[in-house]
Amino acid sequence: MPHETIRTSRIEARIAPDALAIVKRAAELEGRSVSDFVVSAAQAAARRTIEETSLIRLSSEDQRHFVELLLNPPPLSPALVRAKDAHAQLFGS
Protein backbone atom coordinates (compact mmCIF):
# COMPACT_ATOMS: atom_id res chain seq x y z
CA MET A 1 0.00 0.00 0.00
CA PRO A 2 1.74 3.22 -1.10
CA HIS A 3 2.25 5.98 1.41
CA GLU A 4 0.05 8.95 0.56
CA THR A 5 0.77 12.40 1.95
CA ILE A 6 -2.25 14.13 3.44
CA ARG A 7 -2.30 17.73 2.27
CA THR A 8 -4.11 20.02 4.67
CA SER A 9 -2.27 23.33 4.33
CA ARG A 10 -2.36 25.83 1.53
CA ILE A 11 -0.01 28.55 0.29
CA GLU A 12 -0.64 31.19 -2.35
CA ALA A 13 1.74 33.25 -4.41
CA ARG A 14 1.48 35.86 -7.11
CA ILE A 15 3.69 35.15 -10.08
CA ALA A 16 4.47 36.99 -13.30
CA PRO A 17 3.07 35.35 -16.44
CA ASP A 18 6.52 34.68 -17.91
CA ALA A 19 7.68 33.06 -14.67
CA LEU A 20 4.53 30.92 -14.58
CA ALA A 21 5.19 29.80 -18.15
CA ILE A 22 8.66 28.61 -17.17
CA VAL A 23 7.33 26.78 -14.10
CA LYS A 24 4.57 25.14 -16.16
CA ARG A 25 7.08 24.03 -18.79
CA ALA A 26 9.42 22.55 -16.18
CA ALA A 27 6.52 20.74 -14.50
CA GLU A 28 5.44 19.32 -17.89
CA LEU A 29 8.97 18.12 -18.60
CA GLU A 30 8.98 16.21 -15.31
CA GLY A 31 5.43 14.92 -15.83
CA ARG A 32 4.18 16.61 -12.67
CA SER A 33 1.48 19.08 -11.81
CA VAL A 34 2.48 22.71 -11.34
CA SER A 35 1.47 22.45 -7.68
CA ASP A 36 3.60 19.34 -7.10
CA PHE A 37 6.54 20.89 -8.95
CA VAL A 38 6.37 24.14 -6.96
CA VAL A 39 6.04 22.36 -3.60
CA SER A 40 8.96 20.06 -4.42
CA ALA A 41 11.15 22.97 -5.59
CA ALA A 42 10.26 25.01 -2.50
CA GLN A 43 11.12 22.11 -0.19
CA ALA A 44 14.46 21.56 -1.93
CA ALA A 45 15.30 25.28 -1.66
CA ALA A 46 14.26 25.30 2.00
CA ARG A 47 16.45 22.28 2.79
CA ARG A 48 19.42 23.88 1.01
CA THR A 49 18.94 27.13 2.92
CA ILE A 50 18.71 25.33 6.27
CA GLU A 51 21.76 23.21 5.48
CA GLU A 52 23.82 26.19 4.33
CA THR A 53 23.02 28.18 7.47
CA SER A 54 23.93 25.18 9.64
CA LEU A 55 27.45 24.96 8.24
CA ILE A 56 30.40 27.06 9.27
CA ARG A 57 32.84 27.58 6.45
CA LEU A 58 36.43 28.49 7.29
CA SER A 59 39.36 29.31 5.07
CA SER A 60 42.39 27.04 5.32
CA GLU A 61 44.14 29.64 7.45
CA ASP A 62 41.13 29.94 9.78
CA GLN A 63 40.92 26.14 10.04
CA ARG A 64 44.56 25.95 11.12
CA HIS A 65 44.04 28.76 13.63
CA PHE A 66 40.95 27.01 15.05
CA VAL A 67 42.79 23.71 15.48
CA GLU A 68 45.78 25.50 17.04
CA LEU A 69 43.46 27.12 19.61
CA LEU A 70 41.86 23.76 20.38
CA LEU A 71 45.22 22.08 20.84
CA ASN A 72 46.83 25.00 22.70
CA PRO A 73 44.09 27.11 24.27
CA PRO A 74 44.99 30.53 25.67
CA PRO A 75 44.91 31.03 29.45
CA LEU A 76 41.48 31.75 30.94
CA SER A 77 40.63 35.40 31.48
CA PRO A 78 39.95 36.52 35.08
CA ALA A 79 36.22 36.85 34.32
CA LEU A 80 36.09 33.32 32.93
CA VAL A 81 37.94 31.97 35.99
CA ARG A 82 35.34 33.66 38.24
CA ALA A 83 32.50 32.25 36.15
CA LYS A 84 34.05 28.78 36.27
CA ASP A 85 34.41 29.01 40.08
CA ALA A 86 30.83 30.24 40.46
CA HIS A 87 29.56 27.39 38.30
CA ALA A 88 31.54 24.86 40.35
CA GLN A 89 30.05 26.26 43.59
CA LEU A 90 26.51 26.08 42.22
CA PHE A 91 26.65 22.78 40.36
CA GLY A 92 29.82 21.02 41.54
CA SER A 93 32.87 20.25 39.46
PDB file of N, CA and C in Angstrom:
ATOM      1  N   MET A   1       0.841  -1.165   0.000  1.00  0.00           N
ATOM      2  CA  MET A   1       0.000   0.000   0.000  1.00  0.00           C
ATOM      3  C   MET A   1       0.892   1.235   0.000  1.00  0.00           C
ATOM      4  N   PRO A   2       0.865   2.046  -1.029  1.00  0.00           N
ATOM      5  CA  PRO A   2       1.744   3.215  -1.099  1.00  0.00           C
ATOM      6  C   PRO A   2       1.383   4.248  -0.039  1.00  0.00           C
ATOM      7  N   HIS A   3       2.420   4.925   0.409  1.00  0.00           N
ATOM      8  CA  HIS A   3       2.249   5.976   1.409  1.00  0.00           C
ATOM      9  C   HIS A   3       1.753   7.234   0.721  1.00  0.00           C
ATOM     10  N   GLU A   4       0.613   7.745   1.166  1.00  0.00           N
ATOM     11  CA  GLU A   4       0.050   8.949   0.560  1.00  0.00           C
ATOM     12  C   GLU A   4       0.127  10.097   1.549  1.00  0.00           C
ATOM     13  N   THR A   5       0.657  11.230   1.105  1.00  0.00           N
ATOM     14  CA  THR A   5       0.768  12.401   1.951  1.00  0.00           C
ATOM     15  C   THR A   5      -0.587  13.090   2.031  1.00  0.00           C
ATOM     16  N   ILE A   6      -1.005  13.404   3.246  1.00  0.00           N
ATOM     17  CA  ILE A   6      -2.253  14.130   3.440  1.00  0.00           C
ATOM     18  C   ILE A   6      -1.931  15.613   3.380  1.00  0.00           C
ATOM     19  N   ARG A   7      -2.547  16.298   2.457  1.00  0.00           N
ATOM     20  CA  ARG A   7      -2.296  17.728   2.273  1.00  0.00           C
ATOM     21  C   ARG A   7      -3.433  18.507   2.917  1.00  0.00           C
ATOM     22  N   THR A   8      -3.078  19.262   3.960  1.00  0.00           N
ATOM     23  CA  THR A   8      -4.110  20.016   4.673  1.00  0.00           C
ATOM     24  C   THR A   8      -3.827  21.512   4.700  1.00  0.00           C
ATOM     25  N   SER A   9      -2.638  21.915   4.298  1.00  0.00           N
ATOM     26  CA  SER A   9      -2.268  23.330   4.332  1.00  0.00           C
ATOM     27  C   SER A   9      -2.194  23.875   2.922  1.00  0.00           C
ATOM     28  N   ARG A  10      -2.337  25.192   2.834  1.00  0.00           N
ATOM     29  CA  ARG A  10      -2.362  25.833   1.530  1.00  0.00           C
ATOM     30  C   ARG A  10      -1.465  27.059   1.561  1.00  0.00           C
ATOM     31  N   ILE A  11      -0.763  27.311   0.445  1.00  0.00           N
ATOM     32  CA  ILE A  11      -0.015  28.554   0.285  1.00  0.00           C
ATOM     33  C   ILE A  11      -0.453  29.184  -1.032  1.00  0.00           C
ATOM     34  N   GLU A  12      -0.313  30.479  -1.106  1.00  0.00           N
ATOM     35  CA  GLU A  12      -0.639  31.188  -2.347  1.00  0.00           C
ATOM     36  C   GLU A  12       0.512  32.111  -2.676  1.00  0.00           C
ATOM     37  N   ALA A  13       0.685  32.347  -3.971  1.00  0.00           N
ATOM     38  CA  ALA A  13       1.744  33.253  -4.405  1.00  0.00           C
ATOM     39  C   ALA A  13       1.316  33.918  -5.702  1.00  0.00           C
ATOM     40  N   ARG A  14       1.680  35.154  -5.843  1.00  0.00           N
ATOM     41  CA  ARG A  14       1.476  35.865  -7.108  1.00  0.00           C
ATOM     42  C   ARG A  14       2.738  35.650  -7.935  1.00  0.00           C
ATOM     43  N   ILE A  15       2.553  35.437  -9.224  1.00  0.00           N
ATOM     44  CA  ILE A  15       3.694  35.154 -10.081  1.00  0.00           C
ATOM     45  C   ILE A  15       3.473  35.833 -11.437  1.00  0.00           C
ATOM     46  N   ALA A  16       4.544  36.348 -11.985  1.00  0.00           N
ATOM     47  CA  ALA A  16       4.468  36.989 -13.300  1.00  0.00           C
ATOM     48  C   ALA A  16       4.153  35.935 -14.365  1.00  0.00           C
ATOM     49  N   PRO A  17       3.432  36.320 -15.396  1.00  0.00           N
ATOM     50  CA  PRO A  17       3.067  35.353 -16.439  1.00  0.00           C
ATOM     51  C   PRO A  17       4.253  34.639 -17.077  1.00  0.00           C
ATOM     52  N   ASP A  18       5.356  35.344 -17.311  1.00  0.00           N
ATOM     53  CA  ASP A  18       6.517  34.681 -17.915  1.00  0.00           C
ATOM     54  C   ASP A  18       7.153  33.681 -16.952  1.00  0.00           C
ATOM     55  N   ALA A  19       7.151  33.997 -15.662  1.00  0.00           N
ATOM     56  CA  ALA A  19       7.683  33.063 -14.670  1.00  0.00           C
ATOM     57  C   ALA A  19       6.785  31.832 -14.570  1.00  0.00           C
ATOM     58  N   LEU A  20       5.472  32.046 -14.624  1.00  0.00           N
ATOM     59  CA  LEU A  20       4.533  30.924 -14.581  1.00  0.00           C
ATOM     60  C   LEU A  20       4.718  30.022 -15.796  1.00  0.00           C
ATOM     61  N   ALA A  21       4.963  30.599 -16.944  1.00  0.00           N
ATOM     62  CA  ALA A  21       5.186  29.800 -18.149  1.00  0.00           C
ATOM     63  C   ALA A  21       6.401  28.894 -17.983  1.00  0.00           C
ATOM     64  N   ILE A  22       7.453  29.415 -17.391  1.00  0.00           N
ATOM     65  CA  ILE A  22       8.663  28.609 -17.169  1.00  0.00           C
ATOM     66  C   ILE A  22       8.371  27.483 -16.186  1.00  0.00           C
ATOM     67  N   VAL A  23       7.665  27.797 -15.107  1.00  0.00           N
ATOM     68  CA  VAL A  23       7.331  26.781 -14.103  1.00  0.00           C
ATOM     69  C   VAL A  23       6.446  25.707 -14.728  1.00  0.00           C
ATOM     70  N   LYS A  24       5.442  26.122 -15.507  1.00  0.00           N
ATOM     71  CA  LYS A  24       4.565  25.144 -16.163  1.00  0.00           C
ATOM     72  C   LYS A  24       5.356  24.231 -17.094  1.00  0.00           C
ATOM     73  N   ARG A  25       6.273  24.816 -17.859  1.00  0.00           N
ATOM     74  CA  ARG A  25       7.079  24.031 -18.792  1.00  0.00           C
ATOM     75  C   ARG A  25       7.951  23.024 -18.048  1.00  0.00           C
ATOM     76  N   ALA A  26       8.579  23.461 -16.973  1.00  0.00           N
ATOM     77  CA  ALA A  26       9.421  22.551 -16.184  1.00  0.00           C
ATOM     78  C   ALA A  26       8.582  21.426 -15.581  1.00  0.00           C
ATOM     79  N   ALA A  27       7.407  21.760 -15.068  1.00  0.00           N
ATOM     80  CA  ALA A  27       6.522  20.741 -14.497  1.00  0.00           C
ATOM     81  C   ALA A  27       6.125  19.725 -15.571  1.00  0.00           C
ATOM     82  N   GLU A  28       5.798  20.214 -16.772  1.00  0.00           N
ATOM     83  CA  GLU A  28       5.438  19.323 -17.887  1.00  0.00           C
ATOM     84  C   GLU A  28       6.600  18.391 -18.226  1.00  0.00           C
ATOM     85  N   LEU A  29       7.806  18.930 -18.264  1.00  0.00           N
ATOM     86  CA  LEU A  29       8.972  18.118 -18.599  1.00  0.00           C
ATOM     87  C   LEU A  29       9.191  16.988 -17.598  1.00  0.00           C
ATOM     88  N   GLU A  30       8.829  17.238 -16.335  1.00  0.00           N
ATOM     89  CA  GLU A  30       8.977  16.209 -15.306  1.00  0.00           C
ATOM     90  C   GLU A  30       7.716  15.367 -15.150  1.00  0.00           C
ATOM     91  N   GLY A  31       6.662  15.696 -15.920  1.00  0.00           N
ATOM     92  CA  GLY A  31       5.427  14.922 -15.828  1.00  0.00           C
ATOM     93  C   GLY A  31       4.706  15.114 -14.505  1.00  0.00           C
ATOM     94  N   ARG A  32       4.784  16.314 -13.966  1.00  0.00           N
ATOM     95  CA  ARG A  32       4.176  16.611 -12.667  1.00  0.00           C
ATOM     96  C   ARG A  32       3.214  17.780 -12.810  1.00  0.00           C
ATOM     97  N   SER A  33       2.359  17.919 -11.824  1.00  0.00           N
ATOM     98  CA  SER A  33       1.476  19.081 -11.811  1.00  0.00           C
ATOM     99  C   SER A  33       2.294  20.299 -11.405  1.00  0.00           C
ATOM    100  N   VAL A  34       1.801  21.470 -11.742  1.00  0.00           N
ATOM    101  CA  VAL A  34       2.483  22.706 -11.340  1.00  0.00           C
ATOM    102  C   VAL A  34       2.570  22.767  -9.819  1.00  0.00           C
ATOM    103  N   SER A  35       1.480  22.418  -9.144  1.00  0.00           N
ATOM    104  CA  SER A  35       1.472  22.450  -7.682  1.00  0.00           C
ATOM    105  C   SER A  35       2.551  21.530  -7.101  1.00  0.00           C
ATOM    106  N   ASP A  36       2.606  20.294  -7.588  1.00  0.00           N
ATOM    107  CA  ASP A  36       3.602  19.337  -7.099  1.00  0.00           C
ATOM    108  C   ASP A  36       5.012  19.827  -7.387  1.00  0.00           C
ATOM    109  N   PHE A  37       5.228  20.372  -8.578  1.00  0.00           N
ATOM    110  CA  PHE A  37       6.540  20.886  -8.950  1.00  0.00           C
ATOM    111  C   PHE A  37       6.962  22.032  -8.031  1.00  0.00           C
ATOM    112  N   VAL A  38       6.056  22.974  -7.791  1.00  0.00           N
ATOM    113  CA  VAL A  38       6.371  24.139  -6.963  1.00  0.00           C
ATOM    114  C   VAL A  38       6.641  23.719  -5.519  1.00  0.00           C
ATOM    115  N   VAL A  39       5.825  22.812  -4.979  1.00  0.00           N
ATOM    116  CA  VAL A  39       6.039  22.355  -3.603  1.00  0.00           C
ATOM    117  C   VAL A  39       7.383  21.649  -3.485  1.00  0.00           C
ATOM    118  N   SER A  40       7.692  20.789  -4.441  1.00  0.00           N
ATOM    119  CA  SER A  40       8.962  20.064  -4.420  1.00  0.00           C
ATOM    120  C   SER A  40      10.151  21.021  -4.518  1.00  0.00           C
ATOM    121  N   ALA A  41      10.060  22.000  -5.421  1.00  0.00           N
ATOM    122  CA  ALA A  41      11.146  22.974  -5.585  1.00  0.00           C
ATOM    123  C   ALA A  41      11.305  23.825  -4.329  1.00  0.00           C
ATOM    124  N   ALA A  42      10.193  24.202  -3.723  1.00  0.00           N
ATOM    125  CA  ALA A  42      10.262  25.013  -2.499  1.00  0.00           C
ATOM    126  C   ALA A  42      10.882  24.217  -1.361  1.00  0.00           C
ATOM    127  N   GLN A  43      10.528  22.945  -1.243  1.00  0.00           N
ATOM    128  CA  GLN A  43      11.121  22.107  -0.192  1.00  0.00           C
ATOM    129  C   GLN A  43      12.622  21.942  -0.411  1.00  0.00           C
ATOM    130  N   ALA A  44      13.024  21.719  -1.645  1.00  0.00           N
ATOM    131  CA  ALA A  44      14.456  21.565  -1.934  1.00  0.00           C
ATOM    132  C   ALA A  44      15.214  22.844  -1.601  1.00  0.00           C
ATOM    133  N   ALA A  45      14.651  23.993  -1.973  1.00  0.00           N
ATOM    134  CA  ALA A  45      15.298  25.276  -1.659  1.00  0.00           C
ATOM    135  C   ALA A  45      15.350  25.500  -0.155  1.00  0.00           C
ATOM    136  N   ALA A  46      14.295  25.139   0.541  1.00  0.00           N
ATOM    137  CA  ALA A  46      14.265  25.304   2.002  1.00  0.00           C
ATOM    138  C   ALA A  46      15.324  24.426   2.666  1.00  0.00           C
ATOM    139  N   ARG A  47      15.429  23.181   2.224  1.00  0.00           N
ATOM    140  CA  ARG A  47      16.451  22.282   2.791  1.00  0.00           C
ATOM    141  C   ARG A  47      17.857  22.821   2.548  1.00  0.00           C
ATOM    142  N   ARG A  48      18.100  23.308   1.325  1.00  0.00           N
ATOM    143  CA  ARG A  48      19.423  23.881   1.010  1.00  0.00           C
ATOM    144  C   ARG A  48      19.725  25.072   1.910  1.00  0.00           C
ATOM    145  N   THR A  49      18.750  25.951   2.085  1.00  0.00           N
ATOM    146  CA  THR A  49      18.942  27.133   2.922  1.00  0.00           C
ATOM    147  C   THR A  49      19.246  26.740   4.360  1.00  0.00           C
ATOM    148  N   ILE A  50      18.486  25.788   4.889  1.00  0.00           N
ATOM    149  CA  ILE A  50      18.713  25.333   6.270  1.00  0.00           C
ATOM    150  C   ILE A  50      20.086  24.695   6.401  1.00  0.00           C
ATOM    151  N   GLU A  51      20.448  23.861   5.441  1.00  0.00           N
ATOM    152  CA  GLU A  51      21.759  23.207   5.483  1.00  0.00           C
ATOM    153  C   GLU A  51      22.892  24.227   5.410  1.00  0.00           C
ATOM    154  N   GLU A  52      22.760  25.186   4.504  1.00  0.00           N
ATOM    155  CA  GLU A  52      23.820  26.189   4.333  1.00  0.00           C
ATOM    156  C   GLU A  52      23.983  27.060   5.571  1.00  0.00           C
ATOM    157  N   THR A  53      22.898  27.358   6.275  1.00  0.00           N
ATOM    158  CA  THR A  53      23.023  28.184   7.475  1.00  0.00           C
ATOM    159  C   THR A  53      23.477  27.375   8.676  1.00  0.00           C
ATOM    160  N   SER A  54      23.468  26.042   8.554  1.00  0.00           N
ATOM    161  CA  SER A  54      23.929  25.184   9.644  1.00  0.00           C
ATOM    162  C   SER A  54      25.429  24.914   9.562  1.00  0.00           C
ATOM    163  N   LEU A  55      26.028  25.220   8.438  1.00  0.00           N
ATOM    164  CA  LEU A  55      27.449  24.958   8.240  1.00  0.00           C
ATOM    165  C   LEU A  55      28.279  26.200   8.536  1.00  0.00           C
ATOM    166  N   ILE A  56      29.441  25.976   9.079  1.00  0.00           N
ATOM    167  CA  ILE A  56      30.404  27.058   9.268  1.00  0.00           C
ATOM    168  C   ILE A  56      31.548  26.799   8.299  1.00  0.00           C
ATOM    169  N   ARG A  57      31.784  27.742   7.435  1.00  0.00           N
ATOM    170  CA  ARG A  57      32.844  27.583   6.447  1.00  0.00           C
ATOM    171  C   ARG A  57      34.040  28.439   6.853  1.00  0.00           C
ATOM    172  N   LEU A  58      35.204  27.792   6.909  1.00  0.00           N
ATOM    173  CA  LEU A  58      36.431  28.488   7.288  1.00  0.00           C
ATOM    174  C   LEU A  58      37.463  28.353   6.178  1.00  0.00           C
ATOM    175  N   SER A  59      38.244  29.395   6.004  1.00  0.00           N
ATOM    176  CA  SER A  59      39.363  29.310   5.067  1.00  0.00           C
ATOM    177  C   SER A  59      40.390  28.348   5.657  1.00  0.00           C
ATOM    178  N   SER A  60      41.343  27.938   4.832  1.00  0.00           N
ATOM    179  CA  SER A  60      42.394  27.038   5.317  1.00  0.00           C
ATOM    180  C   SER A  60      43.145  27.656   6.490  1.00  0.00           C
ATOM    181  N   GLU A  61      43.431  28.950   6.374  1.00  0.00           N
ATOM    182  CA  GLU A  61      44.140  29.642   7.452  1.00  0.00           C
ATOM    183  C   GLU A  61      43.306  29.649   8.734  1.00  0.00           C
ATOM    184  N   ASP A  62      42.010  29.939   8.615  1.00  0.00           N
ATOM    185  CA  ASP A  62      41.130  29.943   9.784  1.00  0.00           C
ATOM    186  C   ASP A  62      40.993  28.545  10.380  1.00  0.00           C
ATOM    187  N   GLN A  63      40.980  27.513   9.533  1.00  0.00           N
ATOM    188  CA  GLN A  63      40.915  26.140  10.038  1.00  0.00           C
ATOM    189  C   GLN A  63      42.153  25.820  10.876  1.00  0.00           C
ATOM    190  N   ARG A  64      43.319  26.194  10.363  1.00  0.00           N
ATOM    191  CA  ARG A  64      44.562  25.947  11.116  1.00  0.00           C
ATOM    192  C   ARG A  64      44.555  26.703  12.446  1.00  0.00           C
ATOM    193  N   HIS A  65      44.102  27.954  12.407  1.00  0.00           N
ATOM    194  CA  HIS A  65      44.041  28.758  13.633  1.00  0.00           C
ATOM    195  C   HIS A  65      43.078  28.118  14.635  1.00  0.00           C
ATOM    196  N   PHE A  66      41.932  27.648  14.176  1.00  0.00           N
ATOM    197  CA  PHE A  66      40.950  27.011  15.046  1.00  0.00           C
ATOM    198  C   PHE A  66      41.536  25.769  15.720  1.00  0.00           C
ATOM    199  N   VAL A  67      42.192  24.924  14.929  1.00  0.00           N
ATOM    200  CA  VAL A  67      42.795  23.708  15.479  1.00  0.00           C
ATOM    201  C   VAL A  67      43.899  24.068  16.459  1.00  0.00           C
ATOM    202  N   GLU A  68      44.702  25.068  16.138  1.00  0.00           N
ATOM    203  CA  GLU A  68      45.775  25.496  17.043  1.00  0.00           C
ATOM    204  C   GLU A  68      45.196  25.934  18.390  1.00  0.00           C
ATOM    205  N   LEU A  69      44.092  26.689  18.369  1.00  0.00           N
ATOM    206  CA  LEU A  69      43.463  27.123  19.611  1.00  0.00           C
ATOM    207  C   LEU A  69      42.871  25.951  20.391  1.00  0.00           C
ATOM    208  N   LEU A  70      42.370  24.948  19.689  1.00  0.00           N
ATOM    209  CA  LEU A  70      41.857  23.763  20.382  1.00  0.00           C
ATOM    210  C   LEU A  70      42.988  22.976  21.044  1.00  0.00           C
ATOM    211  N   LEU A  71      44.098  22.856  20.317  1.00  0.00           N
ATOM    212  CA  LEU A  71      45.221  22.082  20.844  1.00  0.00           C
ATOM    213  C   LEU A  71      46.009  22.844  21.908  1.00  0.00           C
ATOM    214  N   ASN A  72      46.081  24.164  21.764  1.00  0.00           N
ATOM    215  CA  ASN A  72      46.830  24.999  22.703  1.00  0.00           C
ATOM    216  C   ASN A  72      45.970  26.213  23.081  1.00  0.00           C
ATOM    217  N   PRO A  73      44.980  25.996  23.937  1.00  0.00           N
ATOM    218  CA  PRO A  73      44.089  27.115  24.268  1.00  0.00           C
ATOM    219  C   PRO A  73      44.817  28.202  25.052  1.00  0.00           C
ATOM    220  N   PRO A  74      44.382  29.440  24.897  1.00  0.00           N
ATOM    221  CA  PRO A  74      44.987  30.530  25.668  1.00  0.00           C
ATOM    222  C   PRO A  74      44.571  30.414  27.136  1.00  0.00           C
ATOM    223  N   PRO A  75      45.305  31.079  28.043  1.00  0.00           N
ATOM    224  CA  PRO A  75      44.906  31.031  29.454  1.00  0.00           C
ATOM    225  C   PRO A  75      43.528  31.681  29.634  1.00  0.00           C
ATOM    226  N   LEU A  76      42.811  31.208  30.669  1.00  0.00           N
ATOM    227  CA  LEU A  76      41.483  31.755  30.944  1.00  0.00           C
ATOM    228  C   LEU A  76      41.600  33.197  31.429  1.00  0.00           C
ATOM    229  N   SER A  77      40.664  34.022  31.000  1.00  0.00           N
ATOM    230  CA  SER A  77      40.627  35.404  31.477  1.00  0.00           C
ATOM    231  C   SER A  77      40.130  35.402  32.924  1.00  0.00           C
ATOM    232  N   PRO A  78      40.429  36.463  33.692  1.00  0.00           N
ATOM    233  CA  PRO A  78      39.953  36.517  35.082  1.00  0.00           C
ATOM    234  C   PRO A  78      38.427  36.367  35.186  1.00  0.00           C
ATOM    235  N   ALA A  79      37.680  36.965  34.271  1.00  0.00           N
ATOM    236  CA  ALA A  79      36.216  36.855  34.316  1.00  0.00           C
ATOM    237  C   ALA A  79      35.776  35.415  34.089  1.00  0.00           C
ATOM    238  N   LEU A  80      36.441  34.709  33.191  1.00  0.00           N
ATOM    239  CA  LEU A  80      36.087  33.323  32.926  1.00  0.00           C
ATOM    240  C   LEU A  80      36.453  32.428  34.107  1.00  0.00           C
ATOM    241  N   VAL A  81      37.566  32.724  34.788  1.00  0.00           N
ATOM    242  CA  VAL A  81      37.936  31.967  35.990  1.00  0.00           C
ATOM    243  C   VAL A  81      36.869  32.153  37.062  1.00  0.00           C
ATOM    244  N   ARG A  82      36.407  33.407  37.249  1.00  0.00           N
ATOM    245  CA  ARG A  82      35.341  33.664  38.239  1.00  0.00           C
ATOM    246  C   ARG A  82      34.054  32.933  37.853  1.00  0.00           C
ATOM    247  N   ALA A  83      33.712  32.942  36.589  1.00  0.00           N
ATOM    248  CA  ALA A  83      32.500  32.250  36.146  1.00  0.00           C
ATOM    249  C   ALA A  83      32.634  30.745  36.359  1.00  0.00           C
ATOM    250  N   LYS A  84      33.805  30.205  36.082  1.00  0.00           N
ATOM    251  CA  LYS A  84      34.048  28.779  36.274  1.00  0.00           C
ATOM    252  C   LYS A  84      33.937  28.412  37.748  1.00  0.00           C
ATOM    253  N   ASP A  85      34.491  29.247  38.635  1.00  0.00           N
ATOM    254  CA  ASP A  85      34.408  29.010  40.077  1.00  0.00           C
ATOM    255  C   ASP A  85      32.959  29.090  40.555  1.00  0.00           C
ATOM    256  N   ALA A  86      32.231  30.089  40.063  1.00  0.00           N
ATOM    257  CA  ALA A  86      30.826  30.243  40.457  1.00  0.00           C
ATOM    258  C   ALA A  86      30.000  29.027  40.001  1.00  0.00           C
ATOM    259  N   HIS A  87      30.262  28.564  38.821  1.00  0.00           N
ATOM    260  CA  HIS A  87      29.564  27.395  38.299  1.00  0.00           C
ATOM    261  C   HIS A  87      29.868  26.183  39.168  1.00  0.00           C
ATOM    262  N   ALA A  88      31.131  25.998  39.514  1.00  0.00           N
ATOM    263  CA  ALA A  88      31.536  24.857  40.354  1.00  0.00           C
ATOM    264  C   ALA A  88      30.842  24.918  41.712  1.00  0.00           C
ATOM    265  N   GLN A  89      30.719  26.126  42.283  1.00  0.00           N
ATOM    266  CA  GLN A  89      30.047  26.255  43.586  1.00  0.00           C
ATOM    267  C   GLN A  89      28.552  25.917  43.479  1.00  0.00           C
ATOM    268  N   LEU A  90      27.940  26.332  42.397  1.00  0.00           N
ATOM    269  CA  LEU A  90      26.506  26.083  42.223  1.00  0.00           C
ATOM    270  C   LEU A  90      26.198  24.632  41.837  1.00  0.00           C
ATOM    271  N   PHE A  91      27.001  24.081  40.943  1.00  0.00           N
ATOM    272  CA  PHE A  91      26.654  22.782  40.360  1.00  0.00           C
ATOM    273  C   PHE A  91      27.682  21.690  40.644  1.00  0.00           C
ATOM    274  N   GLY A  92      28.756  22.002  41.310  1.00  0.00           N
ATOM    275  CA  GLY A  92      29.815  21.020  41.540  1.00  0.00           C
ATOM    276  C   GLY A  92      30.757  20.977  40.350  1.00  0.00           C
ATOM    277  N   SER A  93      31.846  20.281  40.525  1.00  0.00           N
ATOM    278  CA  SER A  93      32.873  20.252  39.464  1.00  0.00           C
ATOM    279  C   SER A  93      32.453  19.443  38.290  1.00  0.00           C
TER     280      SER A  93
END
